[in-house]
Amino acid sequence: FLGIFGSNGTGNGQFGANIFHGDIDGSYLYIADEDNGRIQIFDKNSPWTFINKFSTTGTPRGVAVDNNFIYVNNPSLAQVRIYNKTSPYAQVGSFSIPVSTTSDVFVDGSFIYITSYVASPTIRIYRAR
């Protein structure tokens, strides 16, 4: 065990009751903070220091990062929203996903993978932006 960070709340570095999969890109950790409707960014080299945040519409349940973009799964909207990787994290696109029972998003540079937790769990694959 190396440590712990965060607490319950709405402030910087605090989380609502539900936090979901994050992604690590270089020195930064991105966390989907569902109940607060935002993505929080931490510096993993400065022991988990809060860096920034941005709001999302809907309920962010997963976040993935590639060289240029941040992909946020919003199952309440049945969408994945795409944001610039640099501040001010403007939304630059989105695409619909056919079910609102998705839980996570992963990206490998070429493809986006969305997991679903319906009666028959699936992984949907899309081309990355």
N, C-alpha and C. Protein backbone atom coordinates (compact mmCIF):
# COMPACT_ATOMS: atom_id res chain seq x y z
N PHE A 1 0.85 -1.18 0.00
CA PHE A 1 0.00 0.00 0.00
C PHE A 1 0.88 1.23 0.00
N LEU A 2 0.62 2.14 -0.95
CA LEU A 2 1.46 3.33 -1.10
C LEU A 2 0.82 4.61 -0.58
N GLY A 3 -0.50 4.65 -0.52
CA GLY A 3 -1.13 5.87 -0.05
C GLY A 3 -2.57 5.96 -0.50
N ILE A 4 -3.19 7.06 -0.15
CA ILE A 4 -4.59 7.31 -0.48
C ILE A 4 -4.77 8.81 -0.67
N PHE A 5 -5.67 9.19 -1.57
CA PHE A 5 -5.97 10.61 -1.72
C PHE A 5 -7.43 10.77 -2.06
N GLY A 6 -7.96 11.98 -1.86
CA GLY A 6 -9.36 12.27 -2.13
C GLY A 6 -10.21 12.10 -0.89
N SER A 7 -11.40 12.69 -0.95
CA SER A 7 -12.39 12.56 0.11
C SER A 7 -13.75 12.86 -0.51
N ASN A 8 -14.80 12.67 0.25
CA ASN A 8 -16.15 12.92 -0.25
C ASN A 8 -16.42 14.42 -0.28
N GLY A 9 -17.00 14.89 -1.39
CA GLY A 9 -17.34 16.31 -1.47
C GLY A 9 -17.35 16.80 -2.89
N THR A 10 -17.41 18.12 -3.04
CA THR A 10 -17.49 18.74 -4.36
C THR A 10 -16.30 19.62 -4.68
N GLY A 11 -15.36 19.75 -3.76
CA GLY A 11 -14.20 20.61 -3.97
C GLY A 11 -13.14 19.93 -4.84
N ASN A 12 -12.11 20.69 -5.15
CA ASN A 12 -11.00 20.14 -5.93
C ASN A 12 -10.36 18.99 -5.15
N GLY A 13 -10.16 17.87 -5.83
CA GLY A 13 -9.58 16.71 -5.18
C GLY A 13 -10.57 15.90 -4.36
N GLN A 14 -11.84 16.31 -4.36
CA GLN A 14 -12.88 15.55 -3.68
C GLN A 14 -13.77 14.89 -4.73
N PHE A 15 -14.46 13.83 -4.31
CA PHE A 15 -15.28 13.05 -5.24
C PHE A 15 -16.67 12.85 -4.67
N GLY A 16 -17.64 12.67 -5.61
CA GLY A 16 -18.98 12.25 -5.21
C GLY A 16 -18.93 10.78 -4.85
N ALA A 17 -20.09 10.19 -4.60
CA ALA A 17 -20.16 8.80 -4.16
C ALA A 17 -19.64 7.82 -5.21
N ASN A 18 -19.74 8.17 -6.50
CA ASN A 18 -19.34 7.25 -7.56
C ASN A 18 -18.19 7.83 -8.38
N ILE A 19 -17.05 7.16 -8.34
CA ILE A 19 -15.95 7.52 -9.22
C ILE A 19 -15.67 6.31 -10.10
N PHE A 20 -15.27 6.57 -11.33
CA PHE A 20 -15.11 5.52 -12.31
C PHE A 20 -13.73 5.54 -12.93
N HIS A 21 -13.51 4.55 -13.76
CA HIS A 21 -12.23 4.32 -14.42
C HIS A 21 -11.58 5.62 -14.87
N GLY A 22 -10.34 5.71 -14.59
CA GLY A 22 -9.55 6.82 -15.07
C GLY A 22 -8.51 6.32 -16.06
N ASP A 23 -7.69 7.20 -16.50
CA ASP A 23 -6.63 6.85 -17.43
C ASP A 23 -5.39 7.63 -17.04
N ILE A 24 -4.24 7.05 -17.29
CA ILE A 24 -2.98 7.72 -17.01
C ILE A 24 -2.32 8.07 -18.33
N ASP A 25 -1.91 9.32 -18.45
CA ASP A 25 -1.23 9.80 -19.65
C ASP A 25 0.02 10.54 -19.18
N GLY A 26 1.16 9.92 -19.33
CA GLY A 26 2.39 10.55 -18.85
C GLY A 26 2.34 10.72 -17.35
N SER A 27 2.37 11.95 -16.90
CA SER A 27 2.36 12.25 -15.47
C SER A 27 0.98 12.48 -14.91
N TYR A 28 -0.06 12.43 -15.74
CA TYR A 28 -1.38 12.83 -15.29
C TYR A 28 -2.34 11.66 -15.18
N LEU A 29 -3.16 11.70 -14.13
CA LEU A 29 -4.21 10.73 -13.89
C LEU A 29 -5.55 11.45 -14.08
N TYR A 30 -6.41 10.91 -14.93
CA TYR A 30 -7.72 11.48 -15.22
C TYR A 30 -8.77 10.58 -14.56
N ILE A 31 -9.67 11.15 -13.75
CA ILE A 31 -10.68 10.39 -13.03
C ILE A 31 -12.07 10.91 -13.38
N ALA A 32 -12.99 9.99 -13.71
CA ALA A 32 -14.39 10.33 -13.97
C ALA A 32 -15.12 10.41 -12.63
N ASP A 33 -15.55 11.60 -12.27
CA ASP A 33 -16.26 11.87 -11.01
C ASP A 33 -17.74 12.03 -11.33
N GLU A 34 -18.45 10.89 -11.38
CA GLU A 34 -19.82 10.87 -11.90
C GLU A 34 -20.77 11.81 -11.16
N ASP A 35 -20.82 11.71 -9.85
CA ASP A 35 -21.82 12.49 -9.10
C ASP A 35 -21.59 13.99 -9.19
N ASN A 36 -20.36 14.41 -9.40
CA ASN A 36 -20.07 15.84 -9.56
C ASN A 36 -20.03 16.26 -11.02
N GLY A 37 -20.29 15.33 -11.96
CA GLY A 37 -20.38 15.66 -13.39
C GLY A 37 -19.11 16.27 -13.96
N ARG A 38 -17.96 15.66 -13.63
CA ARG A 38 -16.71 16.27 -14.08
C ARG A 38 -15.60 15.22 -14.21
N ILE A 39 -14.54 15.66 -14.87
CA ILE A 39 -13.30 14.92 -14.94
C ILE A 39 -12.29 15.69 -14.11
N GLN A 40 -11.59 15.00 -13.21
CA GLN A 40 -10.54 15.65 -12.42
C GLN A 40 -9.18 15.11 -12.89
N ILE A 41 -8.19 15.99 -12.87
CA ILE A 41 -6.86 15.65 -13.35
C ILE A 41 -5.87 15.86 -12.21
N PHE A 42 -5.02 14.83 -11.99
CA PHE A 42 -4.04 14.85 -10.91
C PHE A 42 -2.65 14.58 -11.47
N ASP A 43 -1.65 15.12 -10.80
CA ASP A 43 -0.26 14.86 -11.14
C ASP A 43 0.23 13.71 -10.27
N LYS A 44 0.53 12.58 -10.90
CA LYS A 44 0.92 11.40 -10.12
C LYS A 44 2.35 11.51 -9.60
N ASN A 45 3.13 12.44 -10.10
CA ASN A 45 4.51 12.60 -9.64
C ASN A 45 4.67 13.60 -8.52
N SER A 46 3.61 14.29 -8.16
CA SER A 46 3.69 15.35 -7.14
C SER A 46 2.75 15.04 -6.00
N PRO A 47 2.92 14.12 -5.30
CA PRO A 47 2.06 13.00 -4.91
C PRO A 47 0.57 13.29 -5.05
N TRP A 48 0.07 12.98 -6.21
CA TRP A 48 -1.36 13.03 -6.54
C TRP A 48 -1.96 14.40 -6.31
N THR A 49 -1.24 15.41 -6.70
CA THR A 49 -1.69 16.79 -6.57
C THR A 49 -2.76 17.10 -7.61
N PHE A 50 -3.84 17.77 -7.16
CA PHE A 50 -4.90 18.22 -8.07
C PHE A 50 -4.31 19.23 -9.05
N ILE A 51 -4.58 19.02 -10.35
CA ILE A 51 -4.09 19.92 -11.40
C ILE A 51 -5.21 20.76 -11.99
N ASN A 52 -6.30 20.10 -12.38
CA ASN A 52 -7.37 20.81 -13.07
C ASN A 52 -8.62 19.93 -13.09
N LYS A 53 -9.70 20.48 -13.61
CA LYS A 53 -10.95 19.75 -13.77
C LYS A 53 -11.73 20.39 -14.90
N PHE A 54 -12.66 19.63 -15.45
CA PHE A 54 -13.63 20.22 -16.38
C PHE A 54 -14.95 19.50 -16.25
N SER A 55 -16.02 20.25 -16.46
CA SER A 55 -17.38 19.72 -16.33
C SER A 55 -17.79 18.99 -17.60
N THR A 56 -18.65 18.01 -17.40
CA THR A 56 -19.24 17.29 -18.53
C THR A 56 -20.75 17.25 -18.33
N THR A 57 -21.48 17.18 -19.42
CA THR A 57 -22.92 17.01 -19.34
C THR A 57 -23.19 15.53 -19.14
N GLY A 58 -24.21 15.19 -18.38
CA GLY A 58 -24.54 13.79 -18.17
C GLY A 58 -23.75 13.20 -17.01
N THR A 59 -23.55 11.90 -17.07
CA THR A 59 -22.89 11.18 -15.99
C THR A 59 -21.62 10.52 -16.50
N PRO A 60 -20.46 11.13 -16.30
CA PRO A 60 -19.22 10.53 -16.79
C PRO A 60 -18.91 9.23 -16.06
N ARG A 61 -18.80 8.14 -16.84
CA ARG A 61 -18.53 6.84 -16.22
C ARG A 61 -17.24 6.22 -16.69
N GLY A 62 -16.47 6.92 -17.41
CA GLY A 62 -15.19 6.40 -17.85
C GLY A 62 -14.49 7.49 -18.64
N VAL A 63 -13.17 7.46 -18.60
CA VAL A 63 -12.39 8.46 -19.32
C VAL A 63 -11.18 7.76 -19.91
N ALA A 64 -10.85 8.11 -21.14
CA ALA A 64 -9.67 7.58 -21.81
C ALA A 64 -8.97 8.74 -22.50
N VAL A 65 -7.65 8.64 -22.63
CA VAL A 65 -6.85 9.73 -23.16
C VAL A 65 -5.91 9.19 -24.22
N ASP A 66 -5.81 9.91 -25.36
CA ASP A 66 -4.77 9.58 -26.34
C ASP A 66 -3.88 10.80 -26.50
N ASN A 67 -3.13 10.88 -27.57
CA ASN A 67 -2.18 11.99 -27.74
C ASN A 67 -2.84 13.36 -27.86
N ASN A 68 -4.08 13.41 -28.35
CA ASN A 68 -4.72 14.69 -28.62
C ASN A 68 -6.03 14.94 -27.89
N PHE A 69 -6.71 13.88 -27.48
CA PHE A 69 -8.08 14.04 -27.00
C PHE A 69 -8.34 13.28 -25.71
N ILE A 70 -9.41 13.72 -25.03
CA ILE A 70 -9.95 13.05 -23.86
C ILE A 70 -11.34 12.54 -24.26
N TYR A 71 -11.58 11.25 -24.09
CA TYR A 71 -12.86 10.62 -24.44
C TYR A 71 -13.60 10.32 -23.14
N VAL A 72 -14.84 10.80 -23.03
CA VAL A 72 -15.62 10.62 -21.81
C VAL A 72 -16.90 9.88 -22.15
N ASN A 73 -17.10 8.74 -21.50
CA ASN A 73 -18.32 7.97 -21.67
C ASN A 73 -19.42 8.59 -20.82
N ASN A 74 -20.54 8.95 -21.46
CA ASN A 74 -21.70 9.54 -20.77
C ASN A 74 -22.92 8.64 -21.03
N PRO A 75 -23.10 7.56 -20.26
CA PRO A 75 -24.19 6.63 -20.55
C PRO A 75 -25.58 7.24 -20.41
N SER A 76 -25.76 8.23 -19.55
CA SER A 76 -27.08 8.83 -19.41
C SER A 76 -27.51 9.54 -20.69
N LEU A 77 -26.53 9.93 -21.52
CA LEU A 77 -26.82 10.57 -22.80
C LEU A 77 -26.63 9.61 -23.97
N ALA A 78 -26.21 8.37 -23.68
CA ALA A 78 -25.87 7.38 -24.70
C ALA A 78 -24.88 7.98 -25.70
N GLN A 79 -23.83 8.61 -25.17
CA GLN A 79 -22.82 9.27 -25.99
C GLN A 79 -21.43 9.11 -25.40
N VAL A 80 -20.45 9.19 -26.27
CA VAL A 80 -19.07 9.43 -25.86
C VAL A 80 -18.76 10.84 -26.35
N ARG A 81 -18.31 11.68 -25.44
CA ARG A 81 -17.95 13.06 -25.80
C ARG A 81 -16.44 13.17 -25.88
N ILE A 82 -15.98 13.99 -26.82
CA ILE A 82 -14.55 14.14 -27.09
C ILE A 82 -14.15 15.57 -26.76
N TYR A 83 -13.08 15.71 -25.99
CA TYR A 83 -12.61 17.01 -25.54
C TYR A 83 -11.14 17.20 -25.93
N ASN A 84 -10.76 18.47 -26.14
CA ASN A 84 -9.34 18.79 -26.33
C ASN A 84 -8.58 18.35 -25.09
N LYS A 85 -7.36 17.91 -25.30
CA LYS A 85 -6.55 17.43 -24.18
C LYS A 85 -5.95 18.57 -23.36
N THR A 86 -5.92 19.76 -23.91
CA THR A 86 -5.35 20.90 -23.20
C THR A 86 -6.45 21.85 -22.74
N SER A 87 -6.17 22.57 -21.65
CA SER A 87 -7.13 23.53 -21.12
C SER A 87 -7.46 24.55 -22.20
N PRO A 88 -8.69 24.96 -22.40
CA PRO A 88 -9.83 24.83 -21.52
C PRO A 88 -10.68 23.57 -21.74
N TYR A 89 -10.15 22.52 -22.32
CA TYR A 89 -10.85 21.24 -22.47
C TYR A 89 -12.19 21.40 -23.20
N ALA A 90 -12.17 22.11 -24.31
CA ALA A 90 -13.38 22.34 -25.09
C ALA A 90 -13.84 21.03 -25.73
N GLN A 91 -15.17 20.85 -25.76
CA GLN A 91 -15.72 19.68 -26.45
C GLN A 91 -15.55 19.89 -27.94
N VAL A 92 -14.97 18.91 -28.62
CA VAL A 92 -14.72 19.02 -30.06
C VAL A 92 -15.51 18.00 -30.86
N GLY A 93 -16.27 17.17 -30.20
CA GLY A 93 -17.07 16.18 -30.91
C GLY A 93 -17.75 15.23 -29.96
N SER A 94 -18.54 14.36 -30.55
CA SER A 94 -19.21 13.30 -29.79
C SER A 94 -19.72 12.28 -30.78
N PHE A 95 -20.04 11.12 -30.28
CA PHE A 95 -20.74 10.15 -31.11
C PHE A 95 -21.69 9.35 -30.22
N SER A 96 -22.78 8.92 -30.84
CA SER A 96 -23.81 8.18 -30.11
C SER A 96 -23.40 6.73 -29.95
N ILE A 97 -23.81 6.17 -28.84
CA ILE A 97 -23.65 4.74 -28.62
C ILE A 97 -25.06 4.18 -28.44
N PRO A 98 -25.32 3.00 -28.95
CA PRO A 98 -26.71 2.52 -29.02
C PRO A 98 -27.35 2.13 -27.70
N VAL A 99 -26.58 2.00 -26.66
CA VAL A 99 -27.18 1.63 -25.37
C VAL A 99 -26.70 2.57 -24.29
N SER A 100 -27.53 2.76 -23.28
CA SER A 100 -27.14 3.63 -22.17
C SER A 100 -26.58 2.82 -21.01
N THR A 101 -26.33 1.54 -21.22
CA THR A 101 -25.81 0.68 -20.15
C THR A 101 -24.32 0.45 -20.33
N THR A 102 -23.61 1.45 -20.80
CA THR A 102 -22.17 1.32 -20.96
C THR A 102 -21.48 1.73 -19.67
N SER A 103 -20.30 1.19 -19.47
CA SER A 103 -19.64 1.48 -18.21
C SER A 103 -18.25 2.06 -18.34
N ASP A 104 -17.55 1.75 -19.40
CA ASP A 104 -16.17 2.21 -19.47
C ASP A 104 -15.75 2.47 -20.89
N VAL A 105 -14.66 3.21 -21.02
CA VAL A 105 -14.11 3.56 -22.33
C VAL A 105 -12.59 3.43 -22.26
N PHE A 106 -12.02 2.85 -23.33
CA PHE A 106 -10.57 2.71 -23.45
C PHE A 106 -10.18 3.17 -24.85
N VAL A 107 -8.97 3.66 -25.02
CA VAL A 107 -8.50 4.08 -26.33
C VAL A 107 -7.06 3.65 -26.48
N ASP A 108 -6.70 3.23 -27.71
CA ASP A 108 -5.32 2.80 -27.96
C ASP A 108 -4.66 3.59 -29.08
N GLY A 109 -5.22 4.73 -29.44
CA GLY A 109 -4.66 5.56 -30.50
C GLY A 109 -5.40 5.38 -31.82
N SER A 110 -5.80 4.17 -32.14
CA SER A 110 -6.53 3.89 -33.37
C SER A 110 -8.00 3.58 -33.14
N PHE A 111 -8.29 2.97 -31.99
CA PHE A 111 -9.66 2.52 -31.72
C PHE A 111 -10.11 2.94 -30.33
N ILE A 112 -11.44 3.05 -30.20
CA ILE A 112 -12.08 3.33 -28.93
C ILE A 112 -12.90 2.08 -28.58
N TYR A 113 -12.76 1.61 -27.36
CA TYR A 113 -13.47 0.42 -26.91
C TYR A 113 -14.44 0.83 -25.80
N ILE A 114 -15.72 0.46 -25.94
CA ILE A 114 -16.74 0.80 -24.96
C ILE A 114 -17.29 -0.51 -24.40
N THR A 115 -17.25 -0.66 -23.08
CA THR A 115 -17.80 -1.86 -22.46
C THR A 115 -19.24 -1.63 -22.06
N SER A 116 -20.03 -2.69 -22.11
CA SER A 116 -21.44 -2.64 -21.76
C SER A 116 -21.74 -3.71 -20.73
N TYR A 117 -22.64 -3.42 -19.80
CA TYR A 117 -22.95 -4.38 -18.75
C TYR A 117 -24.40 -4.87 -18.82
N VAL A 118 -24.94 -4.97 -20.03
CA VAL A 118 -26.30 -5.49 -20.20
C VAL A 118 -26.29 -6.99 -19.92
N ALA A 119 -27.44 -7.64 -20.06
CA ALA A 119 -27.55 -9.08 -19.78
C ALA A 119 -26.48 -9.89 -20.49
N SER A 120 -26.12 -9.47 -21.70
CA SER A 120 -25.05 -10.13 -22.44
C SER A 120 -23.93 -9.11 -22.62
N PRO A 121 -22.95 -9.07 -21.71
CA PRO A 121 -21.90 -8.05 -21.77
C PRO A 121 -21.16 -8.04 -23.10
N THR A 122 -20.88 -6.85 -23.60
CA THR A 122 -20.22 -6.70 -24.89
C THR A 122 -19.15 -5.62 -24.82
N ILE A 123 -18.31 -5.60 -25.84
CA ILE A 123 -17.35 -4.52 -26.04
C ILE A 123 -17.59 -4.00 -27.45
N ARG A 124 -17.90 -2.73 -27.57
CA ARG A 124 -18.12 -2.10 -28.89
C ARG A 124 -16.83 -1.38 -29.29
N ILE A 125 -16.52 -1.43 -30.57
CA ILE A 125 -15.28 -0.85 -31.07
C ILE A 125 -15.59 0.24 -32.09
N TYR A 126 -14.94 1.40 -31.96
CA TYR A 126 -15.11 2.53 -32.86
C TYR A 126 -13.72 3.03 -33.26
N ARG A 127 -13.64 3.73 -34.37
CA ARG A 127 -12.38 4.37 -34.76
C ARG A 127 -12.16 5.60 -33.91
N ALA A 128 -10.92 5.81 -33.48
CA ALA A 128 -10.58 7.01 -32.72
C ALA A 128 -10.59 8.21 -33.66
N ARG A 129 -10.72 9.38 -33.12
CA ARG A 129 -10.79 10.61 -33.90
C ARG A 129 -9.48 10.89 -34.59
